[in-house]
Amino acid sequence: MTYPQPPTVIVQAGRSVVLAYVLLVLLGWLGVHRMYLGKWITGITLAVLFGVGTATAAILIGWIPLIIWGLVMVWDLVTLPLQVAAFNARERNRAVRQYQRGW
């Protein structure tokens, strides 16, 4: 005899927009806000751009990576809520797919 399955509730805590902005303001030069959203490659790239840019700014070539870094930071200031929403949607979909497969 089979018994009915109890209802399943998937509780998925999402990422916070406020925390993402705090990370952007305090540790954005290291790309930590990107890493918080699962974008490790772009987070590390931001840290490298900032490091190379500041290390070579005295010989003027460093301004190129710093300008690119600055443009990305401005872009992130504007689009961070959308990036957080996209991350949360991906995680929610991943949790649902994982549940549907039966863990």
PDB file of N, CA and C in Angstrom:
ATOM      1  N   MET A   1       0.843  -1.168   0.000  1.00  0.00           N
ATOM      2  CA  MET A   1       0.000   0.000   0.000  1.00  0.00           C
ATOM      3  C   MET A   1       0.897   1.242   0.000  1.00  0.00           C
ATOM      4  N   THR A   2       0.589   2.168  -0.877  1.00  0.00           N
ATOM      5  CA  THR A   2       1.371   3.401  -0.926  1.00  0.00           C
ATOM      6  C   THR A   2       0.619   4.513  -0.224  1.00  0.00           C
ATOM      7  N   TYR A   3       1.364   5.297   0.445  1.00  0.00           N
ATOM      8  CA  TYR A   3       0.786   6.424   1.163  1.00  0.00           C
ATOM      9  C   TYR A   3       1.071   7.706   0.396  1.00  0.00           C
ATOM     10  N   PRO A   4       0.163   8.665   0.479  1.00  0.00           N
ATOM     11  CA  PRO A   4       0.410   9.930  -0.235  1.00  0.00           C
ATOM     12  C   PRO A   4       1.603  10.663   0.383  1.00  0.00           C
ATOM     13  N   GLN A   5       2.328  11.325  -0.482  1.00  0.00           N
ATOM     14  CA  GLN A   5       3.475  12.103  -0.033  1.00  0.00           C
ATOM     15  C   GLN A   5       2.997  13.370   0.662  1.00  0.00           C
ATOM     16  N   PRO A   6       3.666  13.760   1.734  1.00  0.00           N
ATOM     17  CA  PRO A   6       3.302  15.035   2.359  1.00  0.00           C
ATOM     18  C   PRO A   6       3.681  16.186   1.434  1.00  0.00           C
ATOM     19  N   PRO A   7       2.991  17.305   1.564  1.00  0.00           N
ATOM     20  CA  PRO A   7       3.336  18.446   0.711  1.00  0.00           C
ATOM     21  C   PRO A   7       4.765  18.912   0.999  1.00  0.00           C
ATOM     22  N   THR A   8       5.429  19.320  -0.040  1.00  0.00           N
ATOM     23  CA  THR A   8       6.808  19.773   0.085  1.00  0.00           C
ATOM     24  C   THR A   8       6.863  21.278  -0.111  1.00  0.00           C
ATOM     25  N   VAL A   9       7.572  21.927   0.773  1.00  0.00           N
ATOM     26  CA  VAL A   9       7.770  23.368   0.672  1.00  0.00           C
ATOM     27  C   VAL A   9       9.258  23.609   0.449  1.00  0.00           C
ATOM     28  N   ILE A  10       9.572  24.312  -0.619  1.00  0.00           N
ATOM     29  CA  ILE A  10      10.962  24.644  -0.899  1.00  0.00           C
ATOM     30  C   ILE A  10      11.219  26.049  -0.375  1.00  0.00           C
ATOM     31  N   VAL A  11      12.071  26.144   0.610  1.00  0.00           N
ATOM     32  CA  VAL A  11      12.429  27.447   1.167  1.00  0.00           C
ATOM     33  C   VAL A  11      13.813  27.794   0.641  1.00  0.00           C
ATOM     34  N   GLN A  12      13.871  28.846  -0.130  1.00  0.00           N
ATOM     35  CA  GLN A  12      15.134  29.251  -0.739  1.00  0.00           C
ATOM     36  C   GLN A  12      15.409  30.694  -0.344  1.00  0.00           C
ATOM     37  N   ALA A  13      16.390  30.878   0.507  1.00  0.00           N
ATOM     38  CA  ALA A  13      16.763  32.236   0.900  1.00  0.00           C
ATOM     39  C   ALA A  13      17.544  32.870  -0.239  1.00  0.00           C
ATOM     40  N   GLY A  14      17.096  34.027  -0.665  1.00  0.00           N
ATOM     41  CA  GLY A  14      17.755  34.710  -1.770  1.00  0.00           C
ATOM     42  C   GLY A  14      18.823  35.667  -1.285  1.00  0.00           C
ATOM     43  N   ARG A  15      19.518  36.231  -2.229  1.00  0.00           N
ATOM     44  CA  ARG A  15      20.535  37.232  -1.923  1.00  0.00           C
ATOM     45  C   ARG A  15      19.848  38.576  -1.689  1.00  0.00           C
ATOM     46  N   SER A  16      20.486  39.402  -0.887  1.00  0.00           N
ATOM     47  CA  SER A  16      19.936  40.694  -0.508  1.00  0.00           C
ATOM     48  C   SER A  16      20.516  41.812  -1.372  1.00  0.00           C
ATOM     49  N   VAL A  17      19.640  42.680  -1.853  1.00  0.00           N
ATOM     50  CA  VAL A  17      20.090  43.838  -2.629  1.00  0.00           C
ATOM     51  C   VAL A  17      20.877  44.788  -1.729  1.00  0.00           C
ATOM     52  N   VAL A  18      20.417  44.958  -0.500  1.00  0.00           N
ATOM     53  CA  VAL A  18      21.100  45.865   0.430  1.00  0.00           C
ATOM     54  C   VAL A  18      22.521  45.372   0.708  1.00  0.00           C
ATOM     55  N   LEU A  19      22.664  44.084   0.984  1.00  0.00           N
ATOM     56  CA  LEU A  19      24.001  43.546   1.243  1.00  0.00           C
ATOM     57  C   LEU A  19      24.880  43.637  -0.002  1.00  0.00           C
ATOM     58  N   ALA A  20      24.296  43.425  -1.168  1.00  0.00           N
ATOM     59  CA  ALA A  20      25.069  43.545  -2.409  1.00  0.00           C
ATOM     60  C   ALA A  20      25.585  44.974  -2.579  1.00  0.00           C
ATOM     61  N   TYR A  21      24.756  45.962  -2.265  1.00  0.00           N
ATOM     62  CA  TYR A  21      25.210  47.357  -2.350  1.00  0.00           C
ATOM     63  C   TYR A  21      26.279  47.667  -1.301  1.00  0.00           C
ATOM     64  N   VAL A  22      26.124  47.132  -0.099  1.00  0.00           N
ATOM     65  CA  VAL A  22      27.141  47.346   0.938  1.00  0.00           C
ATOM     66  C   VAL A  22      28.477  46.763   0.485  1.00  0.00           C
ATOM     67  N   LEU A  23      28.439  45.566  -0.078  1.00  0.00           N
ATOM     68  CA  LEU A  23      29.670  44.959  -0.590  1.00  0.00           C
ATOM     69  C   LEU A  23      30.250  45.766  -1.744  1.00  0.00           C
ATOM     70  N   LEU A  24      29.379  46.297  -2.592  1.00  0.00           N
ATOM     71  CA  LEU A  24      29.844  47.114  -3.714  1.00  0.00           C
ATOM     72  C   LEU A  24      30.563  48.362  -3.213  1.00  0.00           C
ATOM     73  N   VAL A  25      29.985  49.017  -2.217  1.00  0.00           N
ATOM     74  CA  VAL A  25      30.572  50.260  -1.714  1.00  0.00           C
ATOM     75  C   VAL A  25      31.858  49.991  -0.924  1.00  0.00           C
ATOM     76  N   LEU A  26      31.846  48.975  -0.071  1.00  0.00           N
ATOM     77  CA  LEU A  26      33.001  48.738   0.798  1.00  0.00           C
ATOM     78  C   LEU A  26      34.107  47.915   0.142  1.00  0.00           C
ATOM     79  N   LEU A  27      33.731  46.906  -0.626  1.00  0.00           N
ATOM     80  CA  LEU A  27      34.729  45.998  -1.197  1.00  0.00           C
ATOM     81  C   LEU A  27      34.580  45.847  -2.704  1.00  0.00           C
ATOM     82  N   GLY A  28      33.947  46.824  -3.322  1.00  0.00           N
ATOM     83  CA  GLY A  28      33.735  46.749  -4.761  1.00  0.00           C
ATOM     84  C   GLY A  28      35.015  46.722  -5.554  1.00  0.00           C
ATOM     85  N   TRP A  29      36.045  47.358  -5.046  1.00  0.00           N
ATOM     86  CA  TRP A  29      37.323  47.372  -5.762  1.00  0.00           C
ATOM     87  C   TRP A  29      37.914  45.976  -5.872  1.00  0.00           C
ATOM     88  N   LEU A  30      37.480  45.054  -4.995  1.00  0.00           N
ATOM     89  CA  LEU A  30      37.919  43.659  -5.065  1.00  0.00           C
ATOM     90  C   LEU A  30      36.939  42.774  -5.837  1.00  0.00           C
ATOM     91  N   GLY A  31      35.810  43.334  -6.235  1.00  0.00           N
ATOM     92  CA  GLY A  31      34.817  42.552  -6.963  1.00  0.00           C
ATOM     93  C   GLY A  31      34.012  41.619  -6.076  1.00  0.00           C
ATOM     94  N   VAL A  32      33.996  41.868  -4.777  1.00  0.00           N
ATOM     95  CA  VAL A  32      33.316  40.972  -3.843  1.00  0.00           C
ATOM     96  C   VAL A  32      31.811  40.939  -4.101  1.00  0.00           C
ATOM     97  N   HIS A  33      31.230  42.053  -4.514  1.00  0.00           N
ATOM     98  CA  HIS A  33      29.796  42.067  -4.796  1.00  0.00           C
ATOM     99  C   HIS A  33      29.456  41.131  -5.950  1.00  0.00           C
ATOM    100  N   ARG A  34      30.353  41.000  -6.916  1.00  0.00           N
ATOM    101  CA  ARG A  34      30.143  40.059  -8.023  1.00  0.00           C
ATOM    102  C   ARG A  34      30.264  38.618  -7.525  1.00  0.00           C
ATOM    103  N   MET A  35      31.252  38.371  -6.687  1.00  0.00           N
ATOM    104  CA  MET A  35      31.433  37.021  -6.152  1.00  0.00           C
ATOM    105  C   MET A  35      30.235  36.611  -5.300  1.00  0.00           C
ATOM    106  N   TYR A  36      29.658  37.562  -4.566  1.00  0.00           N
ATOM    107  CA  TYR A  36      28.462  37.313  -3.758  1.00  0.00           C
ATOM    108  C   TYR A  36      27.312  36.821  -4.630  1.00  0.00           C
ATOM    109  N   LEU A  37      27.273  37.276  -5.869  1.00  0.00           N
ATOM    110  CA  LEU A  37      26.213  36.876  -6.794  1.00  0.00           C
ATOM    111  C   LEU A  37      26.621  35.700  -7.675  1.00  0.00           C
ATOM    112  N   GLY A  38      27.695  35.025  -7.308  1.00  0.00           N
ATOM    113  CA  GLY A  38      28.105  33.833  -8.032  1.00  0.00           C
ATOM    114  C   GLY A  38      28.895  34.095  -9.300  1.00  0.00           C
ATOM    115  N   LYS A  39      29.282  35.329  -9.527  1.00  0.00           N
ATOM    116  CA  LYS A  39      30.050  35.688 -10.725  1.00  0.00           C
ATOM    117  C   LYS A  39      31.529  35.786 -10.349  1.00  0.00           C
ATOM    118  N   TRP A  40      32.140  34.640 -10.109  1.00  0.00           N
ATOM    119  CA  TRP A  40      33.513  34.595  -9.617  1.00  0.00           C
ATOM    120  C   TRP A  40      34.506  35.121 -10.634  1.00  0.00           C
ATOM    121  N   ILE A  41      34.323  34.783 -11.883  1.00  0.00           N
ATOM    122  CA  ILE A  41      35.282  35.198 -12.915  1.00  0.00           C
ATOM    123  C   ILE A  41      35.306  36.725 -13.042  1.00  0.00           C
ATOM    124  N   THR A  42      34.124  37.344 -13.133  1.00  0.00           N
ATOM    125  CA  THR A  42      34.107  38.804 -13.268  1.00  0.00           C
ATOM    126  C   THR A  42      34.543  39.489 -11.974  1.00  0.00           C
ATOM    127  N   GLY A  43      34.285  38.860 -10.830  1.00  0.00           N
ATOM    128  CA  GLY A  43      34.762  39.417  -9.570  1.00  0.00           C
ATOM    129  C   GLY A  43      36.277  39.445  -9.499  1.00  0.00           C
ATOM    130  N   ILE A  44      36.896  38.339  -9.873  1.00  0.00           N
ATOM    131  CA  ILE A  44      38.359  38.278  -9.886  1.00  0.00           C
ATOM    132  C   ILE A  44      38.917  39.224 -10.945  1.00  0.00           C
ATOM    133  N   THR A  45      38.225  39.322 -12.081  1.00  0.00           N
ATOM    134  CA  THR A  45      38.662  40.240 -13.137  1.00  0.00           C
ATOM    135  C   THR A  45      38.656  41.682 -12.638  1.00  0.00           C
ATOM    136  N   LEU A  46      37.627  42.064 -11.882  1.00  0.00           N
ATOM    137  CA  LEU A  46      37.591  43.421 -11.324  1.00  0.00           C
ATOM    138  C   LEU A  46      38.765  43.657 -10.377  1.00  0.00           C
ATOM    139  N   ALA A  47      39.067  42.677  -9.540  1.00  0.00           N
ATOM    140  CA  ALA A  47      40.195  42.823  -8.616  1.00  0.00           C
ATOM    141  C   ALA A  47      41.509  42.966  -9.383  1.00  0.00           C
ATOM    142  N   VAL A  48      41.676  42.184 -10.438  1.00  0.00           N
ATOM    143  CA  VAL A  48      42.899  42.262 -11.242  1.00  0.00           C
ATOM    144  C   VAL A  48      42.982  43.604 -11.963  1.00  0.00           C
ATOM    145  N   LEU A  49      41.865  44.057 -12.542  1.00  0.00           N
ATOM    146  CA  LEU A  49      41.861  45.358 -13.218  1.00  0.00           C
ATOM    147  C   LEU A  49      42.267  46.470 -12.260  1.00  0.00           C
ATOM    148  N   PHE A  50      41.701  46.440 -11.057  1.00  0.00           N
ATOM    149  CA  PHE A  50      42.026  47.471 -10.081  1.00  0.00           C
ATOM    150  C   PHE A  50      43.489  47.377  -9.651  1.00  0.00           C
ATOM    151  N   GLY A  51      43.956  46.162  -9.387  1.00  0.00           N
ATOM    152  CA  GLY A  51      45.343  45.985  -8.957  1.00  0.00           C
ATOM    153  C   GLY A  51      46.344  46.402 -10.015  1.00  0.00           C
ATOM    154  N   VAL A  52      46.134  45.947 -11.244  1.00  0.00           N
ATOM    155  CA  VAL A  52      47.044  46.303 -12.339  1.00  0.00           C
ATOM    156  C   VAL A  52      46.961  47.798 -12.621  1.00  0.00           C
ATOM    157  N   GLY A  53      45.755  48.339 -12.582  1.00  0.00           N
ATOM    158  CA  GLY A  53      45.584  49.762 -12.850  1.00  0.00           C
ATOM    159  C   GLY A  53      46.279  50.643 -11.838  1.00  0.00           C
ATOM    160  N   THR A  54      46.122  50.319 -10.559  1.00  0.00           N
ATOM    161  CA  THR A  54      46.775  51.139  -9.538  1.00  0.00           C
ATOM    162  C   THR A  54      48.287  50.933  -9.534  1.00  0.00           C
ATOM    163  N   ALA A  55      48.732  49.721  -9.846  1.00  0.00           N
ATOM    164  CA  ALA A  55      50.176  49.459  -9.856  1.00  0.00           C
ATOM    165  C   ALA A  55      50.877  50.166 -11.009  1.00  0.00           C
ATOM    166  N   THR A  56      50.167  50.373 -12.113  1.00  0.00           N
ATOM    167  CA  THR A  56      50.804  50.977 -13.292  1.00  0.00           C
ATOM    168  C   THR A  56      50.269  52.372 -13.602  1.00  0.00           C
ATOM    169  N   ALA A  57      49.517  52.948 -12.693  1.00  0.00           N
ATOM    170  CA  ALA A  57      48.957  54.281 -12.945  1.00  0.00           C
ATOM    171  C   ALA A  57      50.045  55.345 -13.044  1.00  0.00           C
ATOM    172  N   ALA A  58      51.142  55.144 -12.362  1.00  0.00           N
ATOM    173  CA  ALA A  58      52.224  56.133 -12.388  1.00  0.00           C
ATOM    174  C   ALA A  58      52.842  56.264 -13.773  1.00  0.00           C
ATOM    175  N   ILE A  59      52.814  55.207 -14.559  1.00  0.00           N
ATOM    176  CA  ILE A  59      53.382  55.287 -15.914  1.00  0.00           C
ATOM    177  C   ILE A  59      52.282  55.480 -16.957  1.00  0.00           C
ATOM    178  N   LEU A  60      51.124  55.918 -16.498  1.00  0.00           N
ATOM    179  CA  LEU A  60      49.980  56.313 -17.321  1.00  0.00           C
ATOM    180  C   LEU A  60      49.261  55.171 -18.035  1.00  0.00           C
ATOM    181  N   ILE A  61      49.884  54.044 -18.262  1.00  0.00           N
ATOM    182  CA  ILE A  61      49.192  52.928 -18.906  1.00  0.00           C
ATOM    183  C   ILE A  61      48.123  52.347 -17.974  1.00  0.00           C
ATOM    184  N   GLY A  62      48.299  52.555 -16.679  1.00  0.00           N
ATOM    185  CA  GLY A  62      47.361  52.032 -15.696  1.00  0.00           C
ATOM    186  C   GLY A  62      45.999  52.673 -15.730  1.00  0.00           C
ATOM    187  N   TRP A  63      45.891  53.803 -16.389  1.00  0.00           N
ATOM    188  CA  TRP A  63      44.591  54.459 -16.459  1.00  0.00           C
ATOM    189  C   TRP A  63      43.605  53.679 -17.317  1.00  0.00           C
ATOM    190  N   ILE A  64      44.091  52.906 -18.258  1.00  0.00           N
ATOM    191  CA  ILE A  64      43.189  52.128 -19.121  1.00  0.00           C
ATOM    192  C   ILE A  64      42.418  51.088 -18.304  1.00  0.00           C
ATOM    193  N   PRO A  65      43.097  50.223 -17.518  1.00  0.00           N
ATOM    194  CA  PRO A  65      42.312  49.286 -16.708  1.00  0.00           C
ATOM    195  C   PRO A  65      41.469  49.977 -15.644  1.00  0.00           C
ATOM    196  N   LEU A  66      41.947  51.113 -15.119  1.00  0.00           N
ATOM    197  CA  LEU A  66      41.153  51.829 -14.117  1.00  0.00           C
ATOM    198  C   LEU A  66      39.888  52.428 -14.720  1.00  0.00           C
ATOM    199  N   ILE A  67      39.961  52.891 -15.950  1.00  0.00           N
ATOM    200  CA  ILE A  67      38.762  53.421 -16.615  1.00  0.00           C
ATOM    201  C   ILE A  67      37.771  52.291 -16.867  1.00  0.00           C
ATOM    202  N   ILE A  68      38.263  51.148 -17.323  1.00  0.00           N
ATOM    203  CA  ILE A  68      37.379  49.995 -17.537  1.00  0.00           C
ATOM    204  C   ILE A  68      36.748  49.575 -16.214  1.00  0.00           C
ATOM    205  N   TRP A  69      37.563  49.505 -15.155  1.00  0.00           N
ATOM    206  CA  TRP A  69      37.061  49.153 -13.831  1.00  0.00           C
ATOM    207  C   TRP A  69      35.987  50.146 -13.374  1.00  0.00           C
ATOM    208  N   GLY A  70      36.238  51.432 -13.579  1.00  0.00           N
ATOM    209  CA  GLY A  70      35.275  52.458 -13.176  1.00  0.00           C
ATOM    210  C   GLY A  70      33.962  52.351 -13.928  1.00  0.00           C
ATOM    211  N   LEU A  71      34.035  52.069 -15.215  1.00  0.00           N
ATOM    212  CA  LEU A  71      32.806  51.904 -15.999  1.00  0.00           C
ATOM    213  C   LEU A  71      31.996  50.705 -15.516  1.00  0.00           C
ATOM    214  N   VAL A  72      32.679  49.620 -15.195  1.00  0.00           N
ATOM    215  CA  VAL A  72      31.978  48.437 -14.677  1.00  0.00           C
ATOM    216  C   VAL A  72      31.342  48.747 -13.326  1.00  0.00           C
ATOM    217  N   MET A  73      32.029  49.513 -12.487  1.00  0.00           N
ATOM    218  CA  MET A  73      31.476  49.860 -11.179  1.00  0.00           C
ATOM    219  C   MET A  73      30.228  50.727 -11.319  1.00  0.00           C
ATOM    220  N   VAL A  74      30.254  51.691 -12.234  1.00  0.00           N
ATOM    221  CA  VAL A  74      29.066  52.523 -12.473  1.00  0.00           C
ATOM    222  C   VAL A  74      27.931  51.652 -13.004  1.00  0.00           C
ATOM    223  N   TRP A  75      28.259  50.738 -13.924  1.00  0.00           N
ATOM    224  CA  TRP A  75      27.249  49.814 -14.458  1.00  0.00           C
ATOM    225  C   TRP A  75      26.633  48.981 -13.323  1.00  0.00           C
ATOM    226  N   ASP A  76      27.463  48.506 -12.413  1.00  0.00           N
ATOM    227  CA  ASP A  76      26.966  47.706 -11.299  1.00  0.00           C
ATOM    228  C   ASP A  76      26.111  48.537 -10.344  1.00  0.00           C
ATOM    229  N   LEU A  77      26.461  49.799 -10.145  1.00  0.00           N
ATOM    230  CA  LEU A  77      25.630  50.666  -9.299  1.00  0.00           C
ATOM    231  C   LEU A  77      24.213  50.775  -9.843  1.00  0.00           C
ATOM    232  N   VAL A  78      24.096  50.811 -11.159  1.00  0.00           N
ATOM    233  CA  VAL A  78      22.786  50.978 -11.793  1.00  0.00           C
ATOM    234  C   VAL A  78      22.031  49.653 -11.871  1.00  0.00           C
ATOM    235  N   THR A  79      22.727  48.571 -12.182  1.00  0.00           N
ATOM    236  CA  THR A  79      22.045  47.308 -12.484  1.00  0.00           C
ATOM    237  C   THR A  79      22.078  46.285 -11.354  1.00  0.00           C
ATOM    238  N   LEU A  80      22.590  46.630 -10.200  1.00  0.00           N
ATOM    239  CA  LEU A  80      22.724  45.640  -9.131  1.00  0.00           C
ATOM    240  C   LEU A  80      21.395  45.008  -8.705  1.00  0.00           C
ATOM    241  N   PRO A  81      20.303  45.757  -8.567  1.00  0.00           N
ATOM    242  CA  PRO A  81      19.037  45.089  -8.224  1.00  0.00           C
ATOM    243  C   PRO A  81      18.614  44.049  -9.268  1.00  0.00           C
ATOM    244  N   LEU A  82      18.850  44.332 -10.536  1.00  0.00           N
ATOM    245  CA  LEU A  82      18.523  43.362 -11.581  1.00  0.00           C
ATOM    246  C   LEU A  82      19.427  42.139 -11.497  1.00  0.00           C
ATOM    247  N   GLN A  83      20.694  42.350 -11.184  1.00  0.00           N
ATOM    248  CA  GLN A  83      21.622  41.226 -11.048  1.00  0.00           C
ATOM    249  C   GLN A  83      21.232  40.328  -9.875  1.00  0.00           C
ATOM    250  N   VAL A  84      20.800  40.937  -8.767  1.00  0.00           N
ATOM    251  CA  VAL A  84      20.367  40.157  -7.605  1.00  0.00           C
ATOM    252  C   VAL A  84      19.098  39.381  -7.940  1.00  0.00           C
ATOM    253  N   ALA A  85      18.155  40.028  -8.618  1.00  0.00           N
ATOM    254  CA  ALA A  85      16.914  39.341  -9.002  1.00  0.00           C
ATOM    255  C   ALA A  85      17.200  38.173  -9.937  1.00  0.00           C
ATOM    256  N   ALA A  86      18.116  38.354 -10.872  1.00  0.00           N
ATOM    257  CA  ALA A  86      18.472  37.270 -11.794  1.00  0.00           C
ATOM    258  C   ALA A  86      19.128  36.114 -11.043  1.00  0.00           C
ATOM    259  N   PHE A  87      20.006  36.424 -10.095  1.00  0.00           N
ATOM    260  CA  PHE A  87      20.644  35.365  -9.308  1.00  0.00           C
ATOM    261  C   PHE A  87      19.604  34.600  -8.508  1.00  0.00           C
ATOM    262  N   ASN A  88      18.700  35.327  -7.850  1.00  0.00           N
ATOM    263  CA  ASN A  88      17.667  34.669  -7.047  1.00  0.00           C
ATOM    264  C   ASN A  88      16.759  33.800  -7.911  1.00  0.00           C
ATOM    265  N   ALA A  89      16.428  34.263  -9.109  1.00  0.00           N
ATOM    266  CA  ALA A  89      15.590  33.461 -10.013  1.00  0.00           C
ATOM    267  C   ALA A  89      16.324  32.192 -10.445  1.00  0.00           C
ATOM    268  N   ARG A  90      17.610  32.312 -10.766  1.00  0.00           N
ATOM    269  CA  ARG A  90      18.390  31.117 -11.141  1.00  0.00           C
ATOM    270  C   ARG A  90      18.444  30.116 -10.001  1.00  0.00           C
ATOM    271  N   GLU A  91      18.666  30.596  -8.788  1.00  0.00           N
ATOM    272  CA  GLU A  91      18.736  29.696  -7.638  1.00  0.00           C
ATOM    273  C   GLU A  91      17.385  29.045  -7.356  1.00  0.00           C
ATOM    274  N   ARG A  92      16.316  29.815  -7.492  1.00  0.00           N
ATOM    275  CA  ARG A  92      14.975  29.269  -7.281  1.00  0.00           C
ATOM    276  C   ARG A  92      14.686  28.178  -8.308  1.00  0.00           C
ATOM    277  N   ASN A  93      15.012  28.441  -9.575  1.00  0.00           N
ATOM    278  CA  ASN A  93      14.796  27.445 -10.625  1.00  0.00           C
ATOM    279  C   ASN A  93      15.655  26.210 -10.404  1.00  0.00           C
ATOM    280  N   ARG A  94      16.879  26.403  -9.954  1.00  0.00           N
ATOM    281  CA  ARG A  94      17.757  25.269  -9.667  1.00  0.00           C
ATOM    282  C   ARG A  94      17.178  24.408  -8.554  1.00  0.00           C
ATOM    283  N   ALA A  95      16.632  25.042  -7.512  1.00  0.00           N
ATOM    284  CA  ALA A  95      16.052  24.294  -6.400  1.00  0.00           C
ATOM    285  C   ALA A  95      14.825  23.507  -6.851  1.00  0.00           C
ATOM    286  N   VAL A  96      14.006  24.113  -7.688  1.00  0.00           N
ATOM    287  CA  VAL A  96      12.809  23.422  -8.186  1.00  0.00           C
ATOM    288  C   VAL A  96      13.209  22.240  -9.060  1.00  0.00           C
ATOM    289  N   ARG A  97      14.178  22.440  -9.959  1.00  0.00           N
ATOM    290  CA  ARG A  97      14.633  21.335 -10.816  1.00  0.00           C
ATOM    291  C   ARG A  97      15.216  20.201  -9.983  1.00  0.00           C
ATOM    292  N   GLN A  98      15.965  20.567  -8.959  1.00  0.00           N
ATOM    293  CA  GLN A  98      16.570  19.553  -8.106  1.00  0.00           C
ATOM    294  C   GLN A  98      15.483  18.767  -7.377  1.00  0.00           C
ATOM    295  N   TYR A  99      14.445  19.446  -6.925  1.00  0.00           N
ATOM    296  CA  TYR A  99      13.339  18.767  -6.255  1.00  0.00           C
ATOM    297  C   TYR A  99      12.603  17.856  -7.228  1.00  0.00           C
ATOM    298  N   GLN A 100      12.381  18.327  -8.443  1.00  0.00           N
ATOM    299  CA  GLN A 100      11.645  17.536  -9.425  1.00  0.00           C
ATOM    300  C   GLN A 100      12.409  16.282  -9.829  1.00  0.00           C
ATOM    301  N   ARG A 101      13.730  16.321  -9.785  1.00  0.00           N
ATOM    302  CA  ARG A 101      14.540  15.145 -10.101  1.00  0.00           C
ATOM    303  C   ARG A 101      14.549  14.151  -8.951  1.00  0.00           C
ATOM    304  N   GLY A 102      14.110  14.581  -7.795  1.00  0.00           N
ATOM    305  CA  GLY A 102      14.080  13.675  -6.657  1.00  0.00           C
ATOM    306  C   GLY A 102      15.342  13.699  -5.823  1.00  0.00           C
ATOM    307  N   TRP A 103      16.031  14.804  -5.832  1.00  0.00           N
ATOM    308  CA  TRP A 103      17.254  15.008  -5.059  1.00  0.00           C
ATOM    309  C   TRP A 103      18.261  14.006  -5.503  1.00  0.00           C
TER     310      TRP A 103
END
